[in-house]
N, C-alpha and C. Protein backbone atom coordinates (compact mmCIF):
# COMPACT_ATOMS: atom_id res chain seq x y z
N MET A 1 27.10 -36.28 -80.62
CA MET A 1 28.53 -36.33 -80.84
C MET A 1 29.21 -35.46 -79.79
N ASN A 2 30.20 -36.00 -79.12
CA ASN A 2 30.98 -35.28 -78.13
C ASN A 2 32.30 -34.88 -78.79
N ALA A 3 32.53 -33.58 -78.96
CA ALA A 3 33.75 -33.10 -79.61
C ALA A 3 34.70 -32.54 -78.57
N HIS A 4 35.98 -32.71 -78.80
CA HIS A 4 37.01 -32.20 -77.90
C HIS A 4 38.17 -31.71 -78.75
N LYS A 5 38.56 -30.45 -78.55
CA LYS A 5 39.65 -29.86 -79.33
C LYS A 5 40.94 -29.87 -78.52
N VAL A 6 42.02 -30.32 -79.14
CA VAL A 6 43.33 -30.37 -78.51
C VAL A 6 44.34 -29.82 -79.51
N GLU A 7 45.21 -28.95 -79.05
CA GLU A 7 46.31 -28.50 -79.89
C GLU A 7 47.57 -29.19 -79.43
N ALA A 8 48.33 -29.71 -80.37
CA ALA A 8 49.54 -30.45 -80.04
C ALA A 8 50.59 -30.19 -81.11
N VAL A 9 51.82 -30.50 -80.80
CA VAL A 9 52.94 -30.33 -81.73
C VAL A 9 53.54 -31.70 -82.00
N LEU A 10 53.79 -31.98 -83.27
CA LEU A 10 54.41 -33.25 -83.64
C LEU A 10 55.85 -33.29 -83.17
N THR A 11 56.30 -34.48 -82.79
CA THR A 11 57.71 -34.64 -82.44
C THR A 11 58.53 -34.70 -83.71
N GLU A 12 59.84 -34.72 -83.58
CA GLU A 12 60.72 -34.71 -84.76
C GLU A 12 60.49 -35.90 -85.68
N ASP A 13 60.10 -37.03 -85.09
CA ASP A 13 59.88 -38.22 -85.92
C ASP A 13 58.44 -38.31 -86.44
N GLY A 14 57.62 -37.26 -86.22
CA GLY A 14 56.26 -37.23 -86.75
C GLY A 14 55.24 -37.88 -85.83
N THR A 15 55.61 -38.20 -84.62
CA THR A 15 54.70 -38.82 -83.69
C THR A 15 53.83 -37.76 -83.01
N LEU A 16 52.57 -38.09 -82.82
CA LEU A 16 51.64 -37.19 -82.13
C LEU A 16 51.13 -37.90 -80.89
N ILE A 17 51.31 -37.28 -79.72
CA ILE A 17 50.88 -37.86 -78.46
C ILE A 17 49.78 -36.97 -77.88
N LEU A 18 48.64 -37.58 -77.58
CA LEU A 18 47.51 -36.86 -77.00
C LEU A 18 47.29 -37.38 -75.60
N ARG A 19 47.34 -36.49 -74.62
CA ARG A 19 47.14 -36.87 -73.22
C ARG A 19 45.96 -36.12 -72.65
N GLY A 20 45.35 -36.68 -71.63
CA GLY A 20 44.27 -36.00 -70.92
C GLY A 20 42.98 -35.90 -71.70
N LEU A 21 42.71 -36.83 -72.58
CA LEU A 21 41.46 -36.79 -73.33
C LEU A 21 40.29 -37.22 -72.44
N PRO A 22 39.12 -36.61 -72.67
CA PRO A 22 37.97 -36.92 -71.81
C PRO A 22 37.19 -38.16 -72.25
N PHE A 23 37.89 -39.18 -72.70
CA PHE A 23 37.26 -40.41 -73.14
C PHE A 23 37.82 -41.56 -72.31
N HIS A 24 37.13 -42.68 -72.34
CA HIS A 24 37.53 -43.83 -71.56
C HIS A 24 38.19 -44.88 -72.46
N ALA A 25 38.96 -45.74 -71.85
CA ALA A 25 39.59 -46.84 -72.59
C ALA A 25 38.50 -47.67 -73.24
N GLY A 26 38.68 -47.98 -74.50
CA GLY A 26 37.71 -48.78 -75.24
C GLY A 26 36.69 -47.96 -76.00
N ASP A 27 36.61 -46.64 -75.76
CA ASP A 27 35.68 -45.79 -76.51
C ASP A 27 36.17 -45.66 -77.95
N ALA A 28 35.24 -45.71 -78.89
CA ALA A 28 35.58 -45.48 -80.29
C ALA A 28 35.61 -43.97 -80.53
N VAL A 29 36.65 -43.48 -81.15
CA VAL A 29 36.78 -42.05 -81.44
C VAL A 29 37.15 -41.87 -82.90
N GLU A 30 36.83 -40.71 -83.43
CA GLU A 30 37.20 -40.33 -84.79
C GLU A 30 38.24 -39.23 -84.68
N VAL A 31 39.34 -39.36 -85.42
CA VAL A 31 40.43 -38.39 -85.34
C VAL A 31 40.54 -37.67 -86.67
N ILE A 32 40.49 -36.33 -86.62
CA ILE A 32 40.69 -35.50 -87.80
C ILE A 32 41.85 -34.58 -87.50
N ILE A 33 42.86 -34.57 -88.35
CA ILE A 33 44.05 -33.75 -88.13
C ILE A 33 44.00 -32.54 -89.06
N LEU A 34 44.07 -31.34 -88.48
CA LEU A 34 44.10 -30.10 -89.25
C LEU A 34 45.37 -29.34 -88.90
N GLU A 35 45.97 -28.69 -89.88
CA GLU A 35 47.14 -27.85 -89.62
C GLU A 35 46.66 -26.57 -88.95
N ALA A 36 47.36 -26.15 -87.90
CA ALA A 36 46.99 -24.93 -87.18
C ALA A 36 47.18 -23.72 -88.08
N LYS A 37 46.24 -22.77 -87.97
CA LYS A 37 46.33 -21.55 -88.78
C LYS A 37 47.41 -20.62 -88.29
N THR A 38 47.62 -20.60 -86.99
CA THR A 38 48.64 -19.74 -86.42
C THR A 38 49.79 -20.60 -85.91
N PRO A 39 51.01 -20.08 -85.94
CA PRO A 39 52.13 -20.86 -85.42
C PRO A 39 51.96 -21.13 -83.93
N GLN A 40 52.43 -22.27 -83.50
CA GLN A 40 52.36 -22.62 -82.09
C GLN A 40 53.26 -21.69 -81.28
N PRO A 41 52.79 -21.23 -80.13
CA PRO A 41 53.64 -20.36 -79.30
C PRO A 41 54.84 -21.14 -78.77
N GLN A 42 55.94 -20.44 -78.65
CA GLN A 42 57.14 -21.06 -78.10
C GLN A 42 56.94 -21.27 -76.61
N GLU A 43 57.73 -22.16 -76.04
CA GLU A 43 57.62 -22.38 -74.60
C GLU A 43 57.99 -21.12 -73.84
N VAL A 44 57.27 -20.87 -72.77
CA VAL A 44 57.49 -19.69 -71.94
C VAL A 44 58.70 -19.95 -71.05
N PRO A 45 59.67 -19.03 -71.02
CA PRO A 45 60.82 -19.21 -70.14
C PRO A 45 60.37 -19.32 -68.68
N PRO A 46 61.07 -20.14 -67.89
CA PRO A 46 60.69 -20.31 -66.48
C PRO A 46 60.62 -19.01 -65.70
N SER A 47 61.44 -18.02 -66.07
CA SER A 47 61.43 -16.76 -65.33
C SER A 47 60.08 -16.07 -65.47
N GLN A 48 59.41 -16.20 -66.62
CA GLN A 48 58.09 -15.60 -66.80
C GLN A 48 57.02 -16.39 -66.08
N LEU A 49 57.19 -17.70 -65.95
CA LEU A 49 56.22 -18.52 -65.24
C LEU A 49 56.22 -18.19 -63.75
N GLU A 50 57.35 -17.77 -63.23
CA GLU A 50 57.47 -17.47 -61.81
C GLU A 50 56.87 -16.12 -61.44
N THR A 51 56.52 -15.30 -62.44
CA THR A 51 55.93 -14.00 -62.17
C THR A 51 54.56 -14.21 -61.55
N ASN A 52 54.36 -13.64 -60.38
CA ASN A 52 53.11 -13.81 -59.66
C ASN A 52 52.11 -12.77 -60.14
N LEU A 53 51.03 -13.22 -60.79
CA LEU A 53 50.02 -12.30 -61.28
C LEU A 53 49.15 -11.74 -60.16
N TYR A 54 49.09 -12.43 -59.03
CA TYR A 54 48.26 -12.01 -57.91
C TYR A 54 49.12 -11.97 -56.66
N PRO A 55 49.94 -10.93 -56.49
CA PRO A 55 50.88 -10.91 -55.38
C PRO A 55 50.22 -10.84 -54.00
N MET A 56 48.98 -10.41 -53.91
CA MET A 56 48.31 -10.29 -52.61
C MET A 56 47.53 -11.56 -52.23
N ARG A 57 47.44 -12.51 -53.16
CA ARG A 57 46.69 -13.74 -52.87
C ARG A 57 47.33 -14.49 -51.72
N GLY A 58 46.53 -14.85 -50.74
CA GLY A 58 47.02 -15.59 -49.60
C GLY A 58 47.63 -14.73 -48.51
N LYS A 59 47.71 -13.44 -48.71
CA LYS A 59 48.26 -12.54 -47.70
C LYS A 59 47.19 -12.19 -46.67
N LEU A 60 47.61 -11.96 -45.46
CA LEU A 60 46.70 -11.59 -44.39
C LEU A 60 46.26 -10.15 -44.57
N LEU A 61 44.95 -9.93 -44.54
CA LEU A 61 44.40 -8.58 -44.63
C LEU A 61 43.73 -8.26 -43.31
N ARG A 62 43.82 -7.00 -42.92
CA ARG A 62 43.21 -6.57 -41.67
C ARG A 62 42.47 -5.27 -41.91
N TYR A 63 41.23 -5.22 -41.50
CA TYR A 63 40.42 -4.02 -41.66
C TYR A 63 40.11 -3.45 -40.27
N ASP A 64 40.50 -2.22 -40.04
CA ASP A 64 40.17 -1.53 -38.79
C ASP A 64 38.88 -0.74 -39.03
N ASP A 65 37.85 -1.05 -38.29
CA ASP A 65 36.55 -0.40 -38.41
C ASP A 65 36.09 -0.35 -39.87
N PRO A 66 35.83 -1.48 -40.48
CA PRO A 66 35.50 -1.50 -41.90
C PRO A 66 34.19 -0.81 -42.26
N THR A 67 33.30 -0.60 -41.30
CA THR A 67 32.02 0.05 -41.61
C THR A 67 32.01 1.53 -41.29
N GLU A 68 33.12 2.05 -40.78
CA GLU A 68 33.20 3.47 -40.44
C GLU A 68 33.46 4.30 -41.70
N PRO A 69 32.91 5.53 -41.77
CA PRO A 69 33.17 6.41 -42.93
C PRO A 69 34.65 6.79 -43.00
N VAL A 70 35.10 7.04 -44.21
CA VAL A 70 36.51 7.38 -44.42
C VAL A 70 36.62 8.85 -44.81
N ALA A 71 37.57 9.56 -44.22
CA ALA A 71 37.93 10.94 -44.59
C ALA A 71 36.72 11.87 -44.56
N LEU A 72 36.00 11.91 -43.45
CA LEU A 72 34.85 12.80 -43.34
C LEU A 72 35.23 14.26 -43.49
N SER A 73 36.45 14.61 -43.07
CA SER A 73 36.88 16.01 -43.14
C SER A 73 37.11 16.48 -44.57
N ASP A 74 37.20 15.55 -45.54
CA ASP A 74 37.43 15.93 -46.92
C ASP A 74 36.14 16.30 -47.67
N TRP A 75 34.98 16.03 -47.08
CA TRP A 75 33.71 16.31 -47.75
C TRP A 75 33.28 17.74 -47.46
N GLU A 76 33.19 18.56 -48.52
CA GLU A 76 32.79 19.96 -48.36
C GLU A 76 31.35 20.10 -47.87
N VAL A 77 30.49 19.18 -48.25
CA VAL A 77 29.08 19.24 -47.88
C VAL A 77 28.91 19.17 -46.36
N LEU A 78 29.78 18.46 -45.69
CA LEU A 78 29.66 18.28 -44.26
C LEU A 78 30.25 19.46 -43.47
N GLN A 79 30.87 20.41 -44.13
CA GLN A 79 31.50 21.56 -43.45
C GLN A 79 30.47 22.57 -43.05
């Protein structure tokens, strides 16, 4: 048995639309409807969607002498 879980919200007229299911046209499927235990989250405002979680992604990085030791003068053992 291949199971696939989808959470969806009914429209005002009680219609349920399921998109992107991993089955093919003509496949026989069994549908069981359960009420969600937790309330569905509200839609996220567009301003929060635009927040970049990875601001450095895609930025050019440059390393000067990446294999050289850093701050040798700060090590007391080397004094």
